[in-house]
Amino acid sequence: MCIRDRAYGRSLQLINILRDVPEDLENGRCYLPGAKTREELSRERGRWIEEAREGLDQADLYAEALNGKRMRFGTVLPAMIGRETLDRLEGVTWEAWEARVKVSRKEVYGMMARAVKFAM
């Protein structure tokens, strides 16, 4: 469980970092090693997205092992949102990345319904 929860947590943090790359770069920061320019970050994005996906794969296994519907729901929902965010980040242009990749509230509500089914 500790290995899975650590991988899941790292994955969620990596997704947040990936979403914020353009803003961070504009402010002189970069939290992804090996890339310092827009071009390098765009090239390396796929590698970091893949690493985040691997952590999210652990999320479902972790959530399934939890006792309690609320715990499973609260654990799997961020993973669902994270997967959708990664899907959107995957092929986005730098300009769209700068505009902020987001999952709409309506989509989150749909994920909530799926998370309830998962939790049951």
C-alpha atoms as a PDB file:
ATOM      1  CA  MET A   1       0.000   0.000   0.000  1.00  0.00           C
ATOM      2  CA  CYS A   2       2.828   2.423   0.839  1.00  0.00           C
ATOM      3  CA  ILE A   3       4.432   1.952  -2.564  1.00  0.00           C
ATOM      4  CA  ARG A   4       1.117   2.534  -4.318  1.00  0.00           C
ATOM      5  CA  ASP A   5       0.132   5.583  -2.286  1.00  0.00           C
ATOM      6  CA  ARG A   6       3.566   7.144  -2.776  1.00  0.00           C
ATOM      7  CA  ALA A   7       3.425   6.588  -6.546  1.00  0.00           C
ATOM      8  CA  TYR A   8      -0.098   8.016  -6.654  1.00  0.00           C
ATOM      9  CA  GLY A   9       0.830  11.080  -4.617  1.00  0.00           C
ATOM     10  CA  ARG A  10       3.906  11.758  -6.742  1.00  0.00           C
ATOM     11  CA  SER A  11       1.773  11.419  -9.837  1.00  0.00           C
ATOM     12  CA  LEU A  12      -0.750  14.010  -8.631  1.00  0.00           C
ATOM     13  CA  GLN A  13       2.073  16.402  -7.780  1.00  0.00           C
ATOM     14  CA  LEU A  14       3.664  15.849 -11.188  1.00  0.00           C
ATOM     15  CA  ILE A  15       0.334  16.636 -12.880  1.00  0.00           C
ATOM     16  CA  ASN A  16       0.179  19.932 -10.995  1.00  0.00           C
ATOM     17  CA  ILE A  17       3.741  20.718 -12.039  1.00  0.00           C
ATOM     18  CA  LEU A  18       2.953  19.868 -15.670  1.00  0.00           C
ATOM     19  CA  ARG A  19      -0.136  22.077 -15.690  1.00  0.00           C
ATOM     20  CA  ASP A  20       1.903  25.002 -14.357  1.00  0.00           C
ATOM     21  CA  VAL A  21       4.986  24.649 -16.604  1.00  0.00           C
ATOM     22  CA  PRO A  22       4.353  27.736 -18.793  1.00  0.00           C
ATOM     23  CA  GLU A  23       3.550  29.988 -15.829  1.00  0.00           C
ATOM     24  CA  ASP A  24       6.509  28.699 -13.839  1.00  0.00           C
ATOM     25  CA  LEU A  25       8.852  29.189 -16.798  1.00  0.00           C
ATOM     26  CA  GLU A  26       7.589  32.741 -17.235  1.00  0.00           C
ATOM     27  CA  ASN A  27       8.438  33.349 -13.562  1.00  0.00           C
ATOM     28  CA  GLY A  28      11.930  31.904 -13.973  1.00  0.00           C
ATOM     29  CA  ARG A  29      11.222  28.509 -12.416  1.00  0.00           C
ATOM     30  CA  CYS A  30      11.280  24.995 -13.810  1.00  0.00           C
ATOM     31  CA  TYR A  31      10.596  21.934 -11.667  1.00  0.00           C
ATOM     32  CA  LEU A  32      11.275  19.373 -14.396  1.00  0.00           C
ATOM     33  CA  PRO A  33      14.937  18.384 -14.573  1.00  0.00           C
ATOM     34  CA  GLY A  34      16.664  18.403 -17.924  1.00  0.00           C
ATOM     35  CA  ALA A  35      14.548  21.102 -19.556  1.00  0.00           C
ATOM     36  CA  LYS A  36      14.876  24.862 -19.342  1.00  0.00           C
ATOM     37  CA  THR A  37      13.371  26.238 -22.564  1.00  0.00           C
ATOM     38  CA  ARG A  38       9.946  26.052 -24.179  1.00  0.00           C
ATOM     39  CA  GLU A  39      11.277  23.726 -26.842  1.00  0.00           C
ATOM     40  CA  GLU A  40      12.937  21.387 -24.362  1.00  0.00           C
ATOM     41  CA  LEU A  41       9.859  21.372 -22.144  1.00  0.00           C
ATOM     42  CA  SER A  42       7.577  20.632 -25.084  1.00  0.00           C
ATOM     43  CA  ARG A  43       9.880  17.780 -26.164  1.00  0.00           C
ATOM     44  CA  GLU A  44      10.157  16.311 -22.659  1.00  0.00           C
ATOM     45  CA  ARG A  45       6.458  16.678 -21.830  1.00  0.00           C
ATOM     46  CA  GLY A  46       5.595  13.184 -23.107  1.00  0.00           C
ATOM     47  CA  ARG A  47       8.125  11.530 -20.833  1.00  0.00           C
ATOM     48  CA  TRP A  48       6.730  13.297 -17.773  1.00  0.00           C
ATOM     49  CA  ILE A  49       3.138  12.572 -18.790  1.00  0.00           C
ATOM     50  CA  GLU A  50       4.006   8.875 -19.074  1.00  0.00           C
ATOM     51  CA  GLU A  51       5.573   8.912 -15.622  1.00  0.00           C
ATOM     52  CA  ALA A  52       2.453  10.555 -14.188  1.00  0.00           C
ATOM     53  CA  ARG A  53       0.245   7.934 -15.885  1.00  0.00           C
ATOM     54  CA  GLU A  54       2.249   5.137 -14.286  1.00  0.00           C
ATOM     55  CA  GLY A  55       1.551   6.613 -10.861  1.00  0.00           C
ATOM     56  CA  LEU A  56      -2.137   6.938 -11.649  1.00  0.00           C
ATOM     57  CA  ASP A  57      -2.210   3.250 -12.574  1.00  0.00           C
ATOM     58  CA  GLN A  58      -1.322   2.585  -8.952  1.00  0.00           C
ATOM     59  CA  ALA A  59      -4.197   4.798  -7.775  1.00  0.00           C
ATOM     60  CA  ASP A  60      -6.924   2.355  -8.808  1.00  0.00           C
ATOM     61  CA  LEU A  61      -5.170  -0.549  -7.101  1.00  0.00           C
ATOM     62  CA  TYR A  62      -4.692   1.565  -4.006  1.00  0.00           C
ATOM     63  CA  ALA A  63      -8.331   2.745  -3.982  1.00  0.00           C
ATOM     64  CA  GLU A  64      -9.676  -0.786  -4.488  1.00  0.00           C
ATOM     65  CA  ALA A  65      -7.779  -1.944  -1.414  1.00  0.00           C
ATOM     66  CA  LEU A  66      -9.262   0.742   0.835  1.00  0.00           C
ATOM     67  CA  ASN A  67     -12.089   0.027   3.230  1.00  0.00           C
ATOM     68  CA  GLY A  68     -15.062   2.329   3.079  1.00  0.00           C
ATOM     69  CA  LYS A  69     -16.954   3.806   0.179  1.00  0.00           C
ATOM     70  CA  ARG A  70     -16.070   7.384   1.057  1.00  0.00           C
ATOM     71  CA  MET A  71     -12.371   6.589   1.155  1.00  0.00           C
ATOM     72  CA  ARG A  72     -12.504   4.847  -2.229  1.00  0.00           C
ATOM     73  CA  PHE A  73     -14.539   7.699  -3.730  1.00  0.00           C
ATOM     74  CA  GLY A  74     -12.216  10.385  -2.357  1.00  0.00           C
ATOM     75  CA  THR A  75      -9.165   8.514  -3.573  1.00  0.00           C
ATOM     76  CA  VAL A  76     -10.254   7.591  -7.083  1.00  0.00           C
ATOM     77  CA  LEU A  77     -11.818  10.943  -8.064  1.00  0.00           C
ATOM     78  CA  PRO A  78      -8.507  12.879  -8.181  1.00  0.00           C
ATOM     79  CA  ALA A  79      -7.066  10.040 -10.285  1.00  0.00           C
ATOM     80  CA  MET A  80      -9.916  10.380 -12.776  1.00  0.00           C
ATOM     81  CA  ILE A  81      -9.412  14.144 -12.995  1.00  0.00           C
ATOM     82  CA  GLY A  82      -5.666  13.594 -13.324  1.00  0.00           C
ATOM     83  CA  ARG A  83      -6.085  11.183 -16.230  1.00  0.00           C
ATOM     84  CA  GLU A  84      -8.282  13.635 -18.082  1.00  0.00           C
ATOM     85  CA  THR A  85      -5.788  16.421 -17.437  1.00  0.00           C
ATOM     86  CA  LEU A  86      -2.941  14.288 -18.801  1.00  0.00           C
ATOM     87  CA  ASP A  87      -4.988  13.427 -21.892  1.00  0.00           C
ATOM     88  CA  ARG A  88      -5.431  17.132 -22.559  1.00  0.00           C
ATOM     89  CA  LEU A  89      -1.795  17.964 -21.903  1.00  0.00           C
ATOM     90  CA  GLU A  90      -0.537  15.274 -24.252  1.00  0.00           C
ATOM     91  CA  GLY A  91      -0.912  16.945 -27.617  1.00  0.00           C
ATOM     92  CA  VAL A  92      -1.508  20.550 -26.654  1.00  0.00           C
ATOM     93  CA  THR A  93       0.372  23.406 -28.318  1.00  0.00           C
ATOM     94  CA  TRP A  94       2.511  25.721 -26.203  1.00  0.00           C
ATOM     95  CA  GLU A  95      -0.094  28.484 -26.616  1.00  0.00           C
ATOM     96  CA  ALA A  96      -2.901  26.228 -25.388  1.00  0.00           C
ATOM     97  CA  TRP A  97      -0.661  25.027 -22.558  1.00  0.00           C
ATOM     98  CA  GLU A  98      -0.090  28.660 -21.567  1.00  0.00           C
ATOM     99  CA  ALA A  99      -3.848  29.293 -21.644  1.00  0.00           C
ATOM    100  CA  ARG A 100      -4.180  26.633 -18.909  1.00  0.00           C
ATOM    101  CA  VAL A 101      -5.342  23.085 -19.373  1.00  0.00           C
ATOM    102  CA  LYS A 102      -8.451  22.540 -17.286  1.00  0.00           C
ATOM    103  CA  VAL A 103     -11.191  19.989 -16.746  1.00  0.00           C
ATOM    104  CA  SER A 104     -14.622  21.612 -16.631  1.00  0.00           C
ATOM    105  CA  ARG A 105     -16.902  21.439 -13.632  1.00  0.00           C
ATOM    106  CA  LYS A 106     -19.476  19.578 -15.724  1.00  0.00           C
ATOM    107  CA  GLU A 107     -16.898  16.924 -16.577  1.00  0.00           C
ATOM    108  CA  VAL A 108     -15.916  16.623 -12.922  1.00  0.00           C
ATOM    109  CA  TYR A 109     -19.565  16.004 -12.020  1.00  0.00           C
ATOM    110  CA  GLY A 110     -19.624  13.146 -14.540  1.00  0.00           C
ATOM    111  CA  MET A 111     -16.441  11.756 -13.006  1.00  0.00           C
ATOM    112  CA  MET A 112     -18.046  11.996  -9.595  1.00  0.00           C
ATOM    113  CA  ALA A 113     -20.838   9.713 -10.789  1.00  0.00           C
ATOM    114  CA  ARG A 114     -18.264   7.224 -12.080  1.00  0.00           C
ATOM    115  CA  ALA A 115     -16.334   7.488  -8.814  1.00  0.00           C
ATOM    116  CA  VAL A 116     -19.492   6.632  -6.866  1.00  0.00           C
ATOM    117  CA  LYS A 117     -19.925   3.493  -8.995  1.00  0.00           C
ATOM    118  CA  PHE A 118     -16.284   2.607  -8.400  1.00  0.00           C
ATOM    119  CA  ALA A 119     -16.666   3.115  -4.654  1.00  0.00           C
ATOM    120  CA  MET A 120     -19.665   0.825  -4.432  1.00  0.00           C
END
